[in-house]
């Protein structure tokens, strides 16, 4: 009976984490305007409206975790309020997936950089280059780009190489 209980309990916990993860993926960019500074907060508001209508029985811990995951994408940093290993792992995995593109092959990464430029077409070339370079440099100055050991071990070198290559293209 002990194993059955733990298996059942573990399955329920996994289902809860999966629901949180999927909701964060769906809602983290549901409001997106390249000129806005409040996309993530607006996305959180949209998530709250959805949850109150579609998931009224969703617990406050799960809701708070989805909100923390979305908010964490503002700076791609672990929230200071994150105080459990499980939540840190879920948020870290989510942030790692959000930045996975940085470790793509050169062709995929180059296409991504073209798409980023198109997203920010409202900015002059000089403004874009300055802003994009600042973001990329902030990533390079981190001890770790990624939060989970697997991403750190397998993707960091490629991500750093792509970022350095893009910076070289931006700054000449």
N, C-alpha and C. Protein backbone atom coordinates (compact mmCIF):
# COMPACT_ATOMS: atom_id res chain seq x y z
N UNK A 1 0.83 -1.20 0.00
CA UNK A 1 0.00 0.00 0.00
C UNK A 1 0.87 1.25 0.00
N UNK A 2 2.00 1.22 0.68
CA UNK A 2 2.89 2.38 0.76
C UNK A 2 3.33 2.81 -0.63
N UNK A 3 3.77 1.85 -1.48
CA UNK A 3 4.22 2.20 -2.83
C UNK A 3 3.08 2.76 -3.67
N UNK A 4 1.91 2.20 -3.55
CA UNK A 4 0.76 2.69 -4.30
C UNK A 4 0.45 4.13 -3.90
N UNK A 5 0.48 4.41 -2.61
CA UNK A 5 0.21 5.77 -2.13
C UNK A 5 1.23 6.75 -2.70
N UNK A 6 2.51 6.39 -2.60
CA UNK A 6 3.55 7.30 -3.08
C UNK A 6 3.49 7.46 -4.59
N UNK A 7 3.19 6.39 -5.30
CA UNK A 7 3.07 6.49 -6.76
C UNK A 7 1.92 7.41 -7.12
N UNK A 8 0.79 7.25 -6.46
CA UNK A 8 -0.38 8.09 -6.71
C UNK A 8 -0.08 9.54 -6.35
N UNK A 9 0.53 9.74 -5.18
CA UNK A 9 0.87 11.10 -4.75
C UNK A 9 1.84 11.75 -5.72
N UNK A 10 2.84 11.00 -6.16
CA UNK A 10 3.81 11.54 -7.11
C UNK A 10 3.16 11.88 -8.44
N UNK A 11 2.23 11.04 -8.89
CA UNK A 11 1.53 11.31 -10.15
C UNK A 11 0.69 12.58 -10.04
N UNK A 12 0.04 12.77 -8.91
CA UNK A 12 -0.75 13.99 -8.72
C UNK A 12 0.14 15.23 -8.69
N UNK A 13 1.28 15.12 -8.04
CA UNK A 13 2.22 16.25 -8.00
C UNK A 13 2.72 16.57 -9.40
N UNK A 14 3.04 15.54 -10.17
CA UNK A 14 3.51 15.75 -11.54
C UNK A 14 2.43 16.42 -12.38
N UNK A 15 1.19 15.97 -12.24
CA UNK A 15 0.09 16.58 -12.99
C UNK A 15 -0.05 18.06 -12.64
N UNK A 16 0.11 18.39 -11.38
CA UNK A 16 0.04 19.78 -10.95
C UNK A 16 1.16 20.60 -11.57
N UNK A 17 2.40 20.08 -11.55
CA UNK A 17 3.54 20.80 -12.14
C UNK A 17 3.35 20.96 -13.65
N UNK A 18 2.82 19.92 -14.30
CA UNK A 18 2.61 20.01 -15.74
C UNK A 18 1.57 21.08 -16.07
N UNK A 19 0.50 21.14 -15.29
CA UNK A 19 -0.51 22.16 -15.52
C UNK A 19 0.10 23.55 -15.36
N UNK A 20 0.88 23.74 -14.33
CA UNK A 20 1.55 25.02 -14.09
C UNK A 20 2.47 25.36 -15.26
N UNK A 21 3.24 24.39 -15.70
CA UNK A 21 4.20 24.59 -16.78
C UNK A 21 3.49 24.98 -18.07
N UNK A 22 2.45 24.24 -18.41
CA UNK A 22 1.71 24.51 -19.65
C UNK A 22 1.06 25.89 -19.59
N UNK A 23 0.45 26.23 -18.47
CA UNK A 23 -0.18 27.55 -18.36
C UNK A 23 0.85 28.67 -18.48
N UNK A 24 2.01 28.48 -17.90
CA UNK A 24 3.06 29.50 -18.02
C UNK A 24 3.52 29.64 -19.47
N UNK A 25 3.67 28.52 -20.17
CA UNK A 25 4.06 28.57 -21.57
C UNK A 25 3.01 29.32 -22.39
N UNK A 26 1.76 28.97 -22.19
CA UNK A 26 0.68 29.58 -22.97
C UNK A 26 0.56 31.07 -22.68
N UNK A 27 0.65 31.44 -21.41
CA UNK A 27 0.36 32.83 -21.04
C UNK A 27 1.57 33.75 -20.98
N UNK A 28 2.79 33.26 -21.04
CA UNK A 28 3.93 34.15 -20.79
C UNK A 28 4.09 35.22 -21.86
N UNK A 29 3.63 34.98 -23.06
CA UNK A 29 3.67 36.00 -24.11
C UNK A 29 2.30 36.21 -24.74
N UNK A 30 1.26 35.95 -23.99
CA UNK A 30 -0.08 36.09 -24.57
C UNK A 30 -0.37 37.55 -24.89
N UNK A 31 0.22 38.46 -24.14
CA UNK A 31 0.19 39.88 -24.46
C UNK A 31 1.60 40.24 -24.88
N UNK A 32 1.76 40.66 -26.13
CA UNK A 32 3.11 40.97 -26.60
C UNK A 32 3.07 42.13 -27.58
N UNK A 33 3.70 43.20 -27.17
CA UNK A 33 3.89 44.38 -28.00
C UNK A 33 5.34 44.80 -27.82
N UNK A 34 6.16 44.73 -28.87
CA UNK A 34 7.58 45.06 -28.71
C UNK A 34 7.85 46.46 -28.15
N UNK A 35 6.89 47.35 -28.26
CA UNK A 35 7.08 48.71 -27.75
C UNK A 35 6.65 48.86 -26.29
N UNK A 36 6.00 47.84 -25.75
CA UNK A 36 5.49 47.91 -24.38
C UNK A 36 6.53 47.44 -23.38
N UNK A 37 6.50 48.05 -22.22
CA UNK A 37 7.37 47.63 -21.10
C UNK A 37 6.59 46.79 -20.08
N UNK A 38 5.32 46.51 -20.37
CA UNK A 38 4.48 45.81 -19.40
C UNK A 38 3.91 44.50 -19.93
N UNK A 39 4.50 43.93 -20.95
CA UNK A 39 3.96 42.70 -21.54
C UNK A 39 3.76 41.59 -20.52
N UNK A 40 4.76 41.34 -19.70
CA UNK A 40 4.67 40.23 -18.75
C UNK A 40 3.58 40.49 -17.71
N UNK A 41 3.52 41.72 -17.20
CA UNK A 41 2.49 42.04 -16.22
C UNK A 41 1.10 41.99 -16.84
N UNK A 42 0.99 42.42 -18.10
CA UNK A 42 -0.29 42.33 -18.80
C UNK A 42 -0.65 40.86 -19.07
N UNK A 43 0.35 40.04 -19.36
CA UNK A 43 0.11 38.61 -19.55
C UNK A 43 -0.35 37.96 -18.25
N UNK A 44 0.22 38.38 -17.13
CA UNK A 44 -0.22 37.88 -15.83
C UNK A 44 -1.68 38.26 -15.59
N UNK A 45 -2.06 39.47 -15.93
CA UNK A 45 -3.46 39.89 -15.78
C UNK A 45 -4.39 39.03 -16.62
N UNK A 46 -3.98 38.73 -17.85
CA UNK A 46 -4.78 37.86 -18.72
C UNK A 46 -4.89 36.46 -18.12
N UNK A 47 -3.79 35.97 -17.57
CA UNK A 47 -3.80 34.66 -16.91
C UNK A 47 -4.78 34.67 -15.74
N UNK A 48 -4.75 35.71 -14.93
CA UNK A 48 -5.65 35.78 -13.76
C UNK A 48 -7.11 35.76 -14.19
N UNK A 49 -7.44 36.50 -15.25
CA UNK A 49 -8.82 36.51 -15.75
C UNK A 49 -9.21 35.11 -16.22
N UNK A 50 -8.31 34.45 -16.95
CA UNK A 50 -8.58 33.10 -17.43
C UNK A 50 -8.80 32.14 -16.27
N UNK A 51 -7.92 32.16 -15.30
CA UNK A 51 -8.00 31.22 -14.18
C UNK A 51 -9.29 31.43 -13.40
N UNK A 52 -9.67 32.68 -13.18
CA UNK A 52 -10.89 32.92 -12.40
C UNK A 52 -12.12 32.38 -13.12
N UNK A 53 -12.10 32.38 -14.45
CA UNK A 53 -13.24 31.86 -15.21
C UNK A 53 -13.14 30.36 -15.47
N UNK A 54 -11.97 29.89 -15.89
CA UNK A 54 -11.83 28.52 -16.38
C UNK A 54 -11.34 27.53 -15.33
N UNK A 55 -10.64 28.00 -14.32
CA UNK A 55 -10.06 27.10 -13.31
C UNK A 55 -10.32 27.63 -11.90
N UNK A 56 -11.57 27.82 -11.52
CA UNK A 56 -11.83 28.44 -10.22
C UNK A 56 -11.32 27.63 -9.03
N UNK A 57 -11.08 26.34 -9.23
CA UNK A 57 -10.59 25.52 -8.12
C UNK A 57 -9.07 25.43 -8.08
N UNK A 58 -8.39 26.11 -8.98
CA UNK A 58 -6.92 26.06 -8.98
C UNK A 58 -6.41 26.73 -7.71
N UNK A 59 -5.46 26.07 -7.07
CA UNK A 59 -4.95 26.55 -5.79
C UNK A 59 -4.08 27.79 -5.92
N UNK A 60 -4.02 28.55 -4.85
CA UNK A 60 -3.25 29.80 -4.86
C UNK A 60 -1.76 29.54 -5.06
N UNK A 61 -1.27 28.39 -4.59
CA UNK A 61 0.16 28.07 -4.79
C UNK A 61 0.47 27.88 -6.27
N UNK A 62 -0.42 27.16 -6.97
CA UNK A 62 -0.22 26.96 -8.40
C UNK A 62 -0.34 28.28 -9.16
N UNK A 63 -1.34 29.06 -8.81
CA UNK A 63 -1.52 30.36 -9.47
C UNK A 63 -0.30 31.23 -9.25
N UNK A 64 0.17 31.28 -8.02
CA UNK A 64 1.35 32.08 -7.71
C UNK A 64 2.58 31.62 -8.47
N UNK A 65 2.71 30.30 -8.66
CA UNK A 65 3.86 29.78 -9.39
C UNK A 65 3.80 30.16 -10.87
N UNK A 66 2.63 30.05 -11.48
CA UNK A 66 2.49 30.48 -12.88
C UNK A 66 2.84 31.95 -13.01
N UNK A 67 2.32 32.76 -12.10
CA UNK A 67 2.62 34.20 -12.13
C UNK A 67 4.11 34.46 -11.96
N UNK A 68 4.75 33.73 -11.05
CA UNK A 68 6.20 33.89 -10.84
C UNK A 68 6.98 33.49 -12.08
N UNK A 69 6.54 32.44 -12.76
CA UNK A 69 7.22 31.99 -13.98
C UNK A 69 7.13 33.06 -15.06
N UNK A 70 5.94 33.62 -15.23
CA UNK A 70 5.77 34.66 -16.25
C UNK A 70 6.60 35.89 -15.89
N UNK A 71 6.52 36.30 -14.64
CA UNK A 71 7.27 37.49 -14.20
C UNK A 71 8.78 37.27 -14.32
N UNK A 72 9.23 36.05 -14.13
CA UNK A 72 10.66 35.75 -14.21
C UNK A 72 11.23 35.99 -15.61
N UNK A 73 10.35 35.99 -16.63
CA UNK A 73 10.84 36.22 -17.99
C UNK A 73 11.18 37.68 -18.25
N UNK A 74 10.85 38.57 -17.34
CA UNK A 74 11.20 39.98 -17.52
C UNK A 74 12.71 40.11 -17.61
N UNK A 75 13.42 39.50 -16.69
CA UNK A 75 14.89 39.59 -16.67
C UNK A 75 15.58 38.23 -16.80
N UNK A 76 14.77 37.20 -16.94
CA UNK A 76 15.28 35.82 -16.97
C UNK A 76 16.16 35.56 -15.75
N UNK A 77 15.56 35.85 -14.59
CA UNK A 77 16.22 35.61 -13.31
C UNK A 77 15.26 34.87 -12.40
N UNK A 78 15.83 34.10 -11.49
CA UNK A 78 15.02 33.39 -10.50
C UNK A 78 14.43 34.41 -9.54
N UNK A 79 13.12 34.37 -9.31
CA UNK A 79 12.51 35.31 -8.37
C UNK A 79 13.08 35.14 -6.96
N UNK A 80 13.32 36.23 -6.29
CA UNK A 80 13.85 36.19 -4.93
C UNK A 80 12.88 35.48 -3.99
N UNK A 81 11.59 35.55 -4.30
CA UNK A 81 10.57 34.94 -3.45
C UNK A 81 10.48 33.42 -3.62
N UNK A 82 11.19 32.86 -4.56
CA UNK A 82 11.14 31.42 -4.83
C UNK A 82 11.90 30.69 -3.73
N UNK A 83 11.16 29.97 -2.88
CA UNK A 83 11.80 29.39 -1.70
C UNK A 83 11.72 27.87 -1.60
N UNK A 84 11.38 27.20 -2.68
CA UNK A 84 11.38 25.73 -2.63
C UNK A 84 12.21 25.18 -3.80
N UNK A 85 12.86 24.07 -3.55
CA UNK A 85 13.67 23.44 -4.60
C UNK A 85 12.81 23.05 -5.79
N UNK A 86 11.62 22.53 -5.52
CA UNK A 86 10.74 22.10 -6.61
C UNK A 86 10.34 23.30 -7.48
N UNK A 87 9.96 24.41 -6.85
CA UNK A 87 9.58 25.60 -7.61
C UNK A 87 10.77 26.15 -8.38
N UNK A 88 11.94 26.15 -7.75
CA UNK A 88 13.15 26.62 -8.46
C UNK A 88 13.43 25.76 -9.69
N UNK A 89 13.21 24.47 -9.56
CA UNK A 89 13.45 23.59 -10.70
C UNK A 89 12.45 23.86 -11.82
N UNK A 90 11.19 24.03 -11.47
CA UNK A 90 10.16 24.29 -12.49
C UNK A 90 10.42 25.64 -13.16
N UNK A 91 10.67 26.67 -12.38
CA UNK A 91 10.92 28.00 -12.95
C UNK A 91 12.21 27.97 -13.76
N UNK A 92 13.25 27.34 -13.24
CA UNK A 92 14.51 27.25 -13.97
C UNK A 92 14.35 26.53 -15.30
N UNK A 93 13.61 25.43 -15.30
CA UNK A 93 13.37 24.69 -16.54
C UNK A 93 12.61 25.54 -17.55
N UNK A 94 11.63 26.26 -17.07
CA UNK A 94 10.83 27.15 -17.92
C UNK A 94 11.71 28.24 -18.53
N UNK A 95 12.53 28.88 -17.71
CA UNK A 95 13.42 29.93 -18.22
C UNK A 95 14.44 29.36 -19.20
N UNK A 96 14.95 28.17 -18.91
CA UNK A 96 15.89 27.53 -19.82
C UNK A 96 15.25 27.29 -21.19
N UNK A 97 14.04 26.79 -21.20
CA UNK A 97 13.36 26.57 -22.48
C UNK A 97 13.11 27.88 -23.21
N UNK A 98 12.82 28.93 -22.46
CA UNK A 98 12.58 30.23 -23.08
C UNK A 98 13.84 30.76 -23.77
N UNK A 99 15.01 30.41 -23.24
CA UNK A 99 16.28 30.86 -23.83
C UNK A 99 16.97 29.76 -24.65
N UNK A 100 16.30 28.66 -24.89
CA UNK A 100 16.91 27.55 -25.62
C UNK A 100 17.37 27.97 -27.01
N UNK A 101 16.68 28.90 -27.63
CA UNK A 101 17.04 29.36 -28.98
C UNK A 101 18.47 29.87 -29.03
N UNK A 102 18.97 30.37 -27.93
CA UNK A 102 20.33 30.92 -27.92
C UNK A 102 21.38 29.87 -28.25
N UNK A 103 21.07 28.61 -28.04
CA UNK A 103 22.04 27.55 -28.28
C UNK A 103 21.79 26.81 -29.59
N UNK A 104 21.00 27.39 -30.46
CA UNK A 104 20.67 26.75 -31.74
C UNK A 104 21.87 26.67 -32.66
N UNK A 105 21.69 25.94 -33.74
CA UNK A 105 22.71 25.92 -34.79
C UNK A 105 22.84 27.32 -35.37
N UNK A 106 23.93 27.59 -36.04
CA UNK A 106 24.15 28.93 -36.61
C UNK A 106 23.02 29.36 -37.53
N UNK A 107 22.56 28.46 -38.40
CA UNK A 107 21.50 28.82 -39.34
C UNK A 107 20.21 29.19 -38.61
N UNK A 108 19.84 28.39 -37.64
CA UNK A 108 18.61 28.66 -36.87
C UNK A 108 18.77 29.96 -36.08
N UNK A 109 19.91 30.14 -35.46
CA UNK A 109 20.14 31.35 -34.67
C UNK A 109 20.14 32.59 -35.56
N UNK A 110 20.74 32.51 -36.73
CA UNK A 110 20.75 33.65 -37.65
C UNK A 110 19.33 34.02 -38.08
N UNK A 111 18.50 33.03 -38.33
CA UNK A 111 17.10 33.31 -38.68
C UNK A 111 16.38 33.95 -37.49
N UNK A 112 16.65 33.46 -36.30
CA UNK A 112 16.08 34.04 -35.08
C UNK A 112 16.46 35.51 -34.95
N UNK A 113 17.72 35.85 -35.22
CA UNK A 113 18.14 37.26 -35.09
C UNK A 113 17.42 38.14 -36.11
N UNK A 114 17.14 37.60 -37.29
CA UNK A 114 16.37 38.36 -38.29
C UNK A 114 14.95 38.60 -37.79
N UNK A 115 14.36 37.58 -37.17
CA UNK A 115 13.00 37.71 -36.65
C UNK A 115 12.96 38.71 -35.49
N UNK A 116 13.98 38.69 -34.65
CA UNK A 116 14.04 39.66 -33.55
C UNK A 116 14.10 41.08 -34.12
N UNK A 117 14.91 41.27 -35.14
CA UNK A 117 15.02 42.61 -35.75
C UNK A 117 13.67 43.05 -36.29
N UNK A 118 12.93 42.13 -36.92
CA UNK A 118 11.60 42.47 -37.46
C UNK A 118 10.63 42.81 -36.33
N UNK A 119 10.74 42.14 -35.20
CA UNK A 119 9.88 42.46 -34.06
C UNK A 119 10.08 43.90 -33.61
N UNK A 120 11.31 44.36 -33.69
CA UNK A 120 11.66 45.69 -33.20
C UNK A 120 11.91 46.67 -34.34
N UNK A 121 11.20 46.49 -35.44
CA UNK A 121 11.38 47.32 -36.63
C UNK A 121 11.02 48.78 -36.36
N UNK A 122 10.22 49.04 -35.34
CA UNK A 122 9.84 50.42 -35.01
C UNK A 122 11.04 51.23 -34.52
N UNK A 123 12.10 50.55 -34.12
CA UNK A 123 13.30 51.23 -33.64
C UNK A 123 14.30 51.41 -34.79
N UNK A 124 15.02 52.50 -34.74
CA UNK A 124 16.07 52.72 -35.74
C UNK A 124 17.13 51.62 -35.60
N UNK A 125 17.95 51.48 -36.61
CA UNK A 125 19.01 50.47 -36.56
C UNK A 125 19.94 50.71 -35.37
N UNK A 126 20.29 51.97 -35.15
CA UNK A 126 21.19 52.31 -34.04
C UNK A 126 20.54 51.99 -32.69
N UNK A 127 19.27 52.34 -32.53
CA UNK A 127 18.56 52.05 -31.28
C UNK A 127 18.47 50.54 -31.04
N UNK A 128 18.13 49.82 -32.11
CA UNK A 128 18.03 48.37 -31.99
C UNK A 128 19.37 47.76 -31.60
N UNK A 129 20.41 48.15 -32.30
CA UNK A 129 21.73 47.58 -32.02
C UNK A 129 22.17 47.86 -30.58
N UNK A 130 21.91 49.06 -30.12
CA UNK A 130 22.29 49.41 -28.75
C UNK A 130 21.51 48.58 -27.73
N UNK A 131 20.19 48.50 -27.92
CA UNK A 131 19.36 47.74 -26.99
C UNK A 131 19.64 46.25 -27.02
N UNK A 132 19.76 45.71 -28.22
CA UNK A 132 20.02 44.28 -28.35
C UNK A 132 21.39 43.92 -27.77
N UNK A 133 22.38 44.75 -28.04
CA UNK A 133 23.73 44.50 -27.50
C UNK A 133 23.71 44.52 -25.97
N UNK A 134 22.94 45.43 -25.39
CA UNK A 134 22.86 45.49 -23.92
C UNK A 134 22.27 44.20 -23.35
N UNK A 135 21.21 43.70 -23.99
CA UNK A 135 20.60 42.45 -23.53
C UNK A 135 21.59 41.30 -23.65
N UNK A 136 22.24 41.20 -24.79
CA UNK A 136 23.18 40.10 -25.01
C UNK A 136 24.35 40.16 -24.04
N UNK A 137 24.86 41.36 -23.80
CA UNK A 137 25.98 41.51 -22.86
C UNK A 137 25.55 41.11 -21.45
N UNK A 138 24.31 41.43 -21.09
CA UNK A 138 23.84 41.04 -19.76
C UNK A 138 23.83 39.52 -19.61
N UNK A 139 23.50 38.81 -20.69
CA UNK A 139 23.55 37.35 -20.64
C UNK A 139 24.98 36.85 -20.52
N UNK A 140 25.89 37.45 -21.26
CA UNK A 140 27.29 37.01 -21.22
C UNK A 140 27.94 37.24 -19.86
N UNK A 141 27.48 38.25 -19.14
CA UNK A 141 28.07 38.56 -17.84
C UNK A 141 27.58 37.65 -16.71
N UNK A 142 26.62 36.81 -17.00
CA UNK A 142 26.12 35.88 -15.99
C UNK A 142 27.07 34.71 -15.82
N UNK A 143 27.15 34.23 -14.61
CA UNK A 143 27.93 33.01 -14.38
C UNK A 143 27.32 31.85 -15.16
N UNK A 144 26.00 31.78 -15.14
CA UNK A 144 25.28 30.73 -15.86
C UNK A 144 24.14 31.35 -16.65
N UNK A 145 24.07 31.05 -17.92
CA UNK A 145 22.93 31.47 -18.74
C UNK A 145 21.69 30.67 -18.37
N UNK A 146 21.92 29.41 -18.05
CA UNK A 146 20.83 28.48 -17.80
C UNK A 146 20.79 28.08 -16.33
N UNK A 147 19.65 27.61 -15.90
CA UNK A 147 19.42 27.30 -14.49
C UNK A 147 19.56 25.82 -14.16
N UNK A 148 19.23 24.97 -15.11
CA UNK A 148 19.30 23.54 -14.83
C UNK A 148 20.64 22.98 -15.28
N UNK A 149 21.11 21.99 -14.56
CA UNK A 149 22.43 21.40 -14.84
C UNK A 149 22.51 20.91 -16.28
N UNK A 150 21.47 20.26 -16.76
CA UNK A 150 21.52 19.72 -18.13
C UNK A 150 21.72 20.83 -19.16
N UNK A 151 20.97 21.89 -19.05
CA UNK A 151 21.13 23.00 -19.99
C UNK A 151 22.51 23.63 -19.84
N UNK A 152 22.95 23.79 -18.60
CA UNK A 152 24.28 24.37 -18.37
C UNK A 152 25.35 23.52 -19.04
N UNK A 153 25.27 22.23 -18.86
CA UNK A 153 26.30 21.33 -19.39
C UNK A 153 26.25 21.20 -20.91
N UNK A 154 25.04 21.13 -21.45
CA UNK A 154 24.90 20.80 -22.87
C UNK A 154 24.74 22.00 -23.80
N UNK A 155 24.27 23.14 -23.30
CA UNK A 155 23.90 24.22 -24.20
C UNK A 155 24.66 25.52 -23.99
N UNK A 156 25.34 25.67 -22.89
CA UNK A 156 25.98 26.95 -22.59
C UNK A 156 27.02 27.34 -23.63
N UNK A 157 27.88 26.43 -24.01
CA UNK A 157 28.96 26.78 -24.96
C UNK A 157 28.40 27.29 -26.28
N UNK A 158 27.40 26.60 -26.81
CA UNK A 158 26.79 27.03 -28.08
C UNK A 158 26.08 28.37 -27.91
N UNK A 159 25.40 28.56 -26.79
CA UNK A 159 24.69 29.83 -26.56
C UNK A 159 25.67 30.99 -26.47
N UNK A 160 26.72 30.81 -25.72
CA UNK A 160 27.72 31.88 -25.59
C UNK A 160 28.38 32.18 -26.94
N UNK A 161 28.65 31.16 -27.73
CA UNK A 161 29.24 31.38 -29.05
C UNK A 161 28.29 32.16 -29.95
N UNK A 162 27.00 31.82 -29.93
CA UNK A 162 26.02 32.55 -30.73
C UNK A 162 25.90 34.00 -30.28
N UNK A 163 25.86 34.21 -28.98
CA UNK A 163 25.74 35.57 -28.45
C UNK A 163 26.96 36.39 -28.84
N UNK A 164 28.13 35.83 -28.68
CA UNK A 164 29.35 36.56 -29.04
C UNK A 164 29.39 36.87 -30.53
N UNK A 165 28.94 35.92 -31.35
CA UNK A 165 28.90 36.14 -32.80
C UNK A 165 27.91 37.25 -33.14
N UNK A 166 26.74 37.22 -32.50
CA UNK A 166 25.75 38.28 -32.77
C UNK A 166 26.27 39.64 -32.31
N UNK A 167 26.90 39.67 -31.15
CA UNK A 167 27.47 40.94 -30.67
C UNK A 167 28.50 41.50 -31.65
N UNK A 168 29.30 40.63 -32.19
CA UNK A 168 30.30 41.05 -33.17
C UNK A 168 29.61 41.66 -34.40
N UNK A 169 28.52 41.02 -34.84
CA UNK A 169 27.76 41.54 -35.98
C UNK A 169 27.10 42.88 -35.67
N UNK A 170 26.62 43.03 -34.45
CA UNK A 170 25.94 44.27 -34.05
C UNK A 170 26.91 45.44 -33.89
N UNK A 171 28.05 45.16 -33.34
CA UNK A 171 28.98 46.24 -32.98
C UNK A 171 30.13 46.40 -33.97
N UNK A 172 30.18 45.51 -34.95
CA UNK A 172 31.20 45.63 -36.00
C UNK A 172 32.48 45.20 -35.55
